[in-house]
């Protein structure tokens, strides 16, 4: 049984991950920490039968909870500010982390990479753990290699509550494509289109447009447009619910607990892509 710590079990995706984990025969949820509904039973909050009767603890007491429950893996789909604090505590205790939080800073990622090696605690970080999205990453990489003179645009749409833009998934698509065509995303990304004189250079190697839409309760749509002379190819992934992210997180939990190489993995590696 994998001893699991859930960070943010009352969050939108955290609730689904928590329900799947409680019902999984290979996972034992030993602790759950959050900033809301502290003291309530996790099973009651989720309306599922929790045989361990886990109570939601205050994340401020994370170190104390770790000392008591000895988790092997922590899963975190919360906010960048919370993840950057709590995942470091977990790794410093030798806990393997599965992180689906987006908008993480480069400083944090560099720090975590060093800590993972220091404390022998490999981790998985992915902006999107849905299987279909990670196949989209792979296909986009392949197409970009063949269509490196075509124009490339990335369009993402999410619910109006999403705080970061563009999405971590859109940025990952841009990174995958730019690497494939031998460019640096930071140098060629163009966010939206501005009115007025346009100094745009033509061709994928010179620019990748990234556009964000926020509205309603859209779970997550991502479209990659490859446009050439007289023709175009569009790749599109739509998340119908957050279940696809949660299922991916459960796969990642089972993968990381057995991982041998001490490093930060991606969902592509979990799926064997």
Protein backbone atom coordinates (compact mmCIF):
# COMPACT_ATOMS: atom_id res chain seq x y z
CA UNK A 1 0.00 0.00 0.00
CA UNK A 2 1.25 3.45 -0.94
CA UNK A 3 1.02 5.81 2.03
CA UNK A 4 -0.35 9.04 0.55
CA UNK A 5 -0.51 12.62 1.84
CA UNK A 6 -3.03 14.80 -0.01
CA UNK A 7 -2.42 18.54 -0.08
CA UNK A 8 -5.53 20.53 -0.95
CA UNK A 9 -8.16 17.76 -0.75
CA UNK A 10 -11.04 20.27 -0.80
CA UNK A 11 -9.93 21.93 -4.04
CA UNK A 12 -11.74 21.37 -7.32
CA UNK A 13 -9.30 18.75 -8.61
CA UNK A 14 -8.11 17.75 -5.14
CA UNK A 15 -11.56 16.42 -4.27
CA UNK A 16 -11.58 14.08 -7.27
CA UNK A 17 -8.04 12.87 -6.61
CA UNK A 18 -8.94 12.27 -2.96
CA UNK A 19 -12.03 10.21 -3.87
CA UNK A 20 -10.09 8.07 -6.35
CA UNK A 21 -7.24 7.56 -3.88
CA UNK A 22 -9.55 6.46 -1.06
CA UNK A 23 -11.23 3.93 -3.37
CA UNK A 24 -7.94 2.57 -4.80
CA UNK A 25 -6.79 -0.77 -3.38
CA UNK A 26 -3.11 0.15 -3.84
CA UNK A 27 -3.27 3.45 -1.95
CA UNK A 28 -3.74 4.26 1.73
CA UNK A 29 -4.53 7.91 2.41
CA UNK A 30 -2.73 8.59 5.69
CA UNK A 31 -3.16 12.37 5.87
CA UNK A 32 -4.89 15.32 4.23
CA UNK A 33 -3.93 18.97 4.74
CA UNK A 34 -5.71 22.12 3.63
CA UNK A 35 -6.58 25.68 4.61
CA UNK A 36 -10.35 25.09 4.74
CA UNK A 37 -12.73 22.59 6.38
CA UNK A 38 -10.07 21.82 8.97
CA UNK A 39 -11.15 19.20 11.51
CA UNK A 40 -13.82 17.71 9.24
CA UNK A 41 -13.65 14.08 8.15
CA UNK A 42 -12.39 13.76 4.58
CA UNK A 43 -14.88 11.03 3.71
CA UNK A 44 -17.80 13.16 4.86
CA UNK A 45 -16.58 16.14 2.85
CA UNK A 46 -16.27 13.98 -0.27
CA UNK A 47 -19.40 11.91 0.42
CA UNK A 48 -17.41 8.66 0.17
CA UNK A 49 -16.68 5.88 2.63
CA UNK A 50 -13.23 6.43 4.12
CA UNK A 51 -12.19 3.36 6.13
CA UNK A 52 -9.38 5.32 7.83
CA UNK A 53 -11.64 8.21 8.94
CA UNK A 54 -8.96 10.74 7.98
CA UNK A 55 -9.49 14.25 9.31
CA UNK A 56 -8.49 17.31 7.31
CA UNK A 57 -5.57 18.96 9.10
CA UNK A 58 -4.32 22.52 8.98
CA UNK A 59 -1.51 22.70 6.42
CA UNK A 60 0.29 25.06 8.78
CA UNK A 61 1.04 21.93 10.84
CA UNK A 62 2.43 20.01 7.87
CA UNK A 63 5.71 19.00 9.50
CA UNK A 64 3.90 17.66 12.56
CA UNK A 65 1.49 15.68 10.37
CA UNK A 66 4.38 14.20 8.39
CA UNK A 67 6.09 13.13 11.61
CA UNK A 68 2.94 11.34 12.78
CA UNK A 69 1.80 9.68 9.56
CA UNK A 70 5.06 8.94 7.64
CA UNK A 71 3.70 9.31 4.08
CA UNK A 72 5.71 8.00 1.11
CA UNK A 73 4.11 10.21 -1.54
CA UNK A 74 2.45 13.63 -1.47
CA UNK A 75 0.10 14.87 -4.18
CA UNK A 76 -0.39 18.62 -4.65
CA UNK A 77 -2.83 20.35 -7.02
CA UNK A 78 -3.16 23.65 -5.17
CA UNK A 79 -1.70 27.10 -5.86
CA UNK A 80 1.83 28.10 -6.78
CA UNK A 81 2.38 29.95 -3.50
CA UNK A 82 1.27 26.96 -1.43
CA UNK A 83 3.07 24.35 -3.52
CA UNK A 84 6.36 26.23 -3.45
CA UNK A 85 6.27 26.15 0.33
CA UNK A 86 4.75 22.76 1.13
CA UNK A 87 6.46 20.59 -1.47
CA UNK A 88 9.85 21.71 -0.18
CA UNK A 89 8.88 20.54 3.32
CA UNK A 90 7.79 17.21 1.84
CA UNK A 91 10.97 16.65 -0.18
CA UNK A 92 13.15 17.58 2.79
CA UNK A 93 11.42 14.73 4.62
CA UNK A 94 12.21 12.29 1.81
CA UNK A 95 8.62 12.27 0.51
CA UNK A 96 8.13 11.79 -3.22
CA UNK A 97 5.90 14.47 -4.72
CA UNK A 98 3.35 14.50 -7.53
CA UNK A 99 2.74 18.14 -8.45
CA UNK A 100 0.08 19.33 -10.86
CA UNK A 101 0.14 22.99 -9.83
CA UNK A 102 0.88 25.53 -12.58
CA UNK A 103 2.62 28.93 -12.66
CA UNK A 104 5.52 27.67 -10.54
CA UNK A 105 8.53 29.99 -10.54
CA UNK A 106 11.85 29.08 -12.18
CA UNK A 107 13.60 29.79 -8.88
CA UNK A 108 11.43 27.21 -7.13
CA UNK A 109 11.89 24.61 -9.87
CA UNK A 110 15.66 24.99 -9.72
CA UNK A 111 15.60 24.73 -5.93
CA UNK A 112 13.39 21.64 -6.00
CA UNK A 113 15.63 19.96 -8.55
CA UNK A 114 18.58 20.28 -6.15
CA UNK A 115 16.54 19.14 -3.13
CA UNK A 116 15.20 16.08 -4.95
CA UNK A 117 18.78 14.87 -5.42
CA UNK A 118 19.91 15.88 -1.93
CA UNK A 119 17.07 14.06 -0.14
CA UNK A 120 16.75 11.12 -2.54
CA UNK A 121 13.11 12.00 -3.28
CA UNK A 122 12.19 11.94 -6.98
CA UNK A 123 9.16 13.95 -8.03
CA UNK A 124 6.76 14.43 -10.92
CA UNK A 125 5.85 17.92 -12.08
CA UNK A 126 3.40 18.37 -14.95
CA UNK A 127 1.14 21.26 -15.98
CA UNK A 128 -1.37 18.69 -17.20
CA UNK A 129 -1.55 15.00 -16.26
CA UNK A 130 -4.33 14.04 -18.67
CA UNK A 131 -3.21 11.24 -21.01
CA UNK A 132 -4.67 12.95 -24.07
CA UNK A 133 -2.86 16.22 -23.45
CA UNK A 134 0.47 14.46 -23.14
CA UNK A 135 -0.16 12.69 -26.44
CA UNK A 136 -0.90 16.18 -27.83
CA UNK A 137 2.52 17.31 -26.60
CA UNK A 138 4.15 14.42 -28.45
CA UNK A 139 2.22 14.88 -31.70
CA UNK A 140 2.88 18.65 -31.66
CA UNK A 141 6.59 17.96 -31.32
CA UNK A 142 6.55 15.58 -34.29
CA UNK A 143 4.53 17.91 -36.54
CA UNK A 144 6.69 20.92 -35.71
CA UNK A 145 9.75 18.99 -36.83
CA UNK A 146 8.20 18.49 -40.28
CA UNK A 147 6.40 21.85 -40.55
CA UNK A 148 9.08 24.15 -39.18
CA UNK A 149 8.42 26.84 -41.82
CA UNK A 150 4.68 27.02 -41.15
CA UNK A 151 3.04 29.53 -38.82
CA UNK A 152 2.13 28.14 -35.39
CA UNK A 153 -0.54 29.46 -33.04
CA UNK A 154 -1.64 28.04 -29.66
CA UNK A 155 -5.08 28.92 -28.31
CA UNK A 156 -6.24 27.93 -24.83
CA UNK A 157 -9.58 28.46 -23.09
CA UNK A 158 -10.42 28.01 -19.39
CA UNK A 159 -13.03 29.00 -16.81
CA UNK A 160 -13.09 32.59 -15.58
CA UNK A 161 -11.71 31.63 -12.16
CA UNK A 162 -8.32 30.55 -13.50
CA UNK A 163 -5.71 32.94 -12.17
CA UNK A 164 -2.78 32.29 -14.52
CA UNK A 165 -2.64 33.07 -18.23
CA UNK A 166 -1.53 31.59 -20.49
CA UNK A 167 -2.14 28.16 -19.03
CA UNK A 168 0.76 25.98 -18.00
CA UNK A 169 -0.35 23.49 -20.65
CA UNK A 170 -0.20 26.12 -23.41
CA UNK A 171 3.28 27.13 -22.30
CA UNK A 172 4.35 23.48 -22.27
CA UNK A 173 3.06 23.03 -25.84
CA UNK A 174 5.02 26.13 -26.85
CA UNK A 175 8.14 24.83 -25.14
CA UNK A 176 7.87 21.41 -26.79
CA UNK A 177 7.41 22.97 -30.24
CA UNK A 178 10.16 25.56 -29.84
CA UNK A 179 12.60 22.87 -28.73
CA UNK A 180 11.64 20.78 -31.74
CA UNK A 181 12.40 23.60 -34.18
CA UNK A 182 15.59 24.66 -32.42
CA UNK A 183 14.30 27.90 -30.91
CA UNK A 184 13.82 29.39 -27.44
CA UNK A 185 10.18 30.00 -26.47
CA UNK A 186 11.10 33.04 -24.40
CA UNK A 187 12.50 34.67 -27.54
CA UNK A 188 9.78 33.78 -30.06
CA UNK A 189 6.52 33.69 -28.07
CA UNK A 190 3.99 36.39 -28.91
CA UNK A 191 1.12 36.67 -26.43
CA UNK A 192 -2.03 37.82 -28.22
CA UNK A 193 -2.15 40.30 -31.06
CA UNK A 194 -1.87 44.06 -30.54
CA UNK A 195 -3.48 46.74 -32.63
CA UNK A 196 -1.23 48.96 -34.67
CA UNK A 197 2.04 48.49 -36.58
CA UNK A 198 3.06 44.86 -36.63
CA UNK A 199 6.72 43.95 -36.88
CA UNK A 200 5.89 40.27 -37.11
CA UNK A 201 8.37 37.97 -38.81
CA UNK A 202 6.85 35.17 -40.87
CA UNK A 203 7.58 31.54 -40.04
CA UNK A 204 7.45 29.16 -37.11
CA UNK A 205 11.08 29.65 -36.21
CA UNK A 206 10.47 33.36 -35.73
CA UNK A 207 7.23 33.38 -33.78
CA UNK A 208 4.71 31.24 -31.90
CA UNK A 209 1.47 33.00 -31.04
CA UNK A 210 -0.10 32.08 -27.69
CA UNK A 211 -3.64 33.25 -26.90
CA UNK A 212 -5.82 32.91 -23.79
CA UNK A 213 -9.60 32.89 -23.42
CA UNK A 214 -11.35 33.03 -20.03
CA UNK A 215 -15.06 32.37 -19.71
CA UNK A 216 -17.78 30.48 -17.92
CA UNK A 217 -16.93 27.02 -16.61
CA UNK A 218 -14.68 25.78 -19.44
CA UNK A 219 -12.56 23.00 -17.91
CA UNK A 220 -9.73 23.29 -20.41
CA UNK A 221 -9.43 23.51 -24.20
CA UNK A 222 -6.14 23.62 -26.11
CA UNK A 223 -5.75 24.04 -29.86
CA UNK A 224 -2.49 23.97 -31.82
CA UNK A 225 -2.74 25.48 -35.29
CA UNK A 226 -0.13 24.78 -37.97
CA UNK A 227 -0.83 27.03 -40.97
CA UNK A 228 0.99 26.78 -44.31
CA UNK A 229 0.37 28.09 -47.82
CA UNK A 230 -3.08 26.92 -48.89
CA UNK A 231 -3.56 24.45 -46.02
CA UNK A 232 -3.56 24.04 -42.25
CA UNK A 233 -3.60 21.38 -39.53
CA UNK A 234 -5.36 21.83 -36.21
CA UNK A 235 -4.80 19.66 -33.14
CA UNK A 236 -7.34 20.06 -30.36
CA UNK A 237 -7.78 18.61 -26.88
CA UNK A 238 -10.85 19.29 -24.74
CA UNK A 239 -11.15 18.28 -21.11
CA UNK A 240 -14.80 17.43 -20.45
CA UNK A 241 -14.20 17.19 -16.71
CA UNK A 242 -11.31 17.25 -14.24
CA UNK A 243 -11.52 13.48 -13.95
CA UNK A 244 -8.85 13.15 -16.66
CA UNK A 245 -6.40 15.16 -14.52
CA UNK A 246 -7.20 13.11 -11.41
CA UNK A 247 -6.82 9.77 -13.18
CA UNK A 248 -3.43 10.95 -14.43
CA UNK A 249 -2.45 11.95 -10.89
CA UNK A 250 -3.26 8.47 -9.55
CA UNK A 251 -1.08 6.91 -12.29
CA UNK A 252 1.69 9.32 -11.37
CA UNK A 253 1.46 8.38 -7.67
CA UNK A 254 1.88 4.71 -8.52
CA UNK A 255 4.75 5.48 -10.87
CA UNK A 256 6.79 7.74 -8.59
CA UNK A 257 6.74 5.41 -5.61
CA UNK A 258 8.69 2.85 -7.69
CA UNK A 259 10.91 5.30 -9.60
CA UNK A 260 14.59 4.45 -9.40
CA UNK A 261 16.27 7.47 -10.97
CA UNK A 262 16.49 10.43 -8.62
CA UNK A 263 15.16 13.32 -10.70
CA UNK A 264 12.05 15.29 -11.64
CA UNK A 265 9.91 13.29 -14.06
CA UNK A 266 7.21 14.36 -16.50
CA UNK A 267 3.86 12.76 -17.31
CA UNK A 268 5.31 11.74 -20.68
CA UNK A 269 7.63 9.41 -18.78
CA UNK A 270 4.77 8.09 -16.65
CA UNK A 271 2.90 7.18 -19.84
CA UNK A 272 5.95 5.86 -21.65
CA UNK A 273 5.82 8.50 -24.39
